[in-house]
Amino acid sequence: MKFFEKFSKYRKKSPWILHYNTGGCNGCDIEILAALAPKYDIERFGALNKGNPKQSDILIVTGPVTKNCKDVLRRLYLEMPEPKVVVAMGACAHGGGVFRDFYHVENGVDNVVPVDVWIPGCATRVEAVIDGMVEAVKIWEKKSKEKEYLRNHSSELLEKLGVRNDD
């Protein structure tokens, strides 16, 4: 238990990002890359861009959710460990954008996975990306604290709820 407590102390400071483009014009993807570049350096907030959902804490979704990408997006979301935060970036991710109501578009990320942070724009500005990521990190830290609280007080909560622990 002590090892896990020490490990979680360091994990709070460095959330990892998984970026997934579900289609569209790639304008938001360029803005994410600009935010990761040295001029804006979003990594100073501790966020690192990784490609593995099993090691990621924040999922950034860009583009309209197409019917082909819907199942992949849901699988990526389910593979991510708790606590996780979903960021919908751009007008296409919000409601389909210019692709709204096309035969192959699901009209928004929130129809497939729950969304915590919305970043508006088409294409979004780098400053909005940074503000959205700061908000996502705050939400992620809050969810981490809630999970830590539940882990440390689980036996007390089980007793209060009247649930029997079968371990």
Foldseek 3Di string as FASTA:
>chain_A
DVVVVVVLVVCLQAAEEAEDEQDDDCLQVVLVVVCCDPVNNLCVSRYHYDHQLQRGAEYEYEAFHFQVCLVVVLVSVVNHDPPHAYEYAEPCQCFNPVHHPDPGGPGHPCVRPNHDHYQYDDHGHNVSVSVRVVVRSVVRSVRSVVVVVCVVCVVVVCVVVVHDDPD
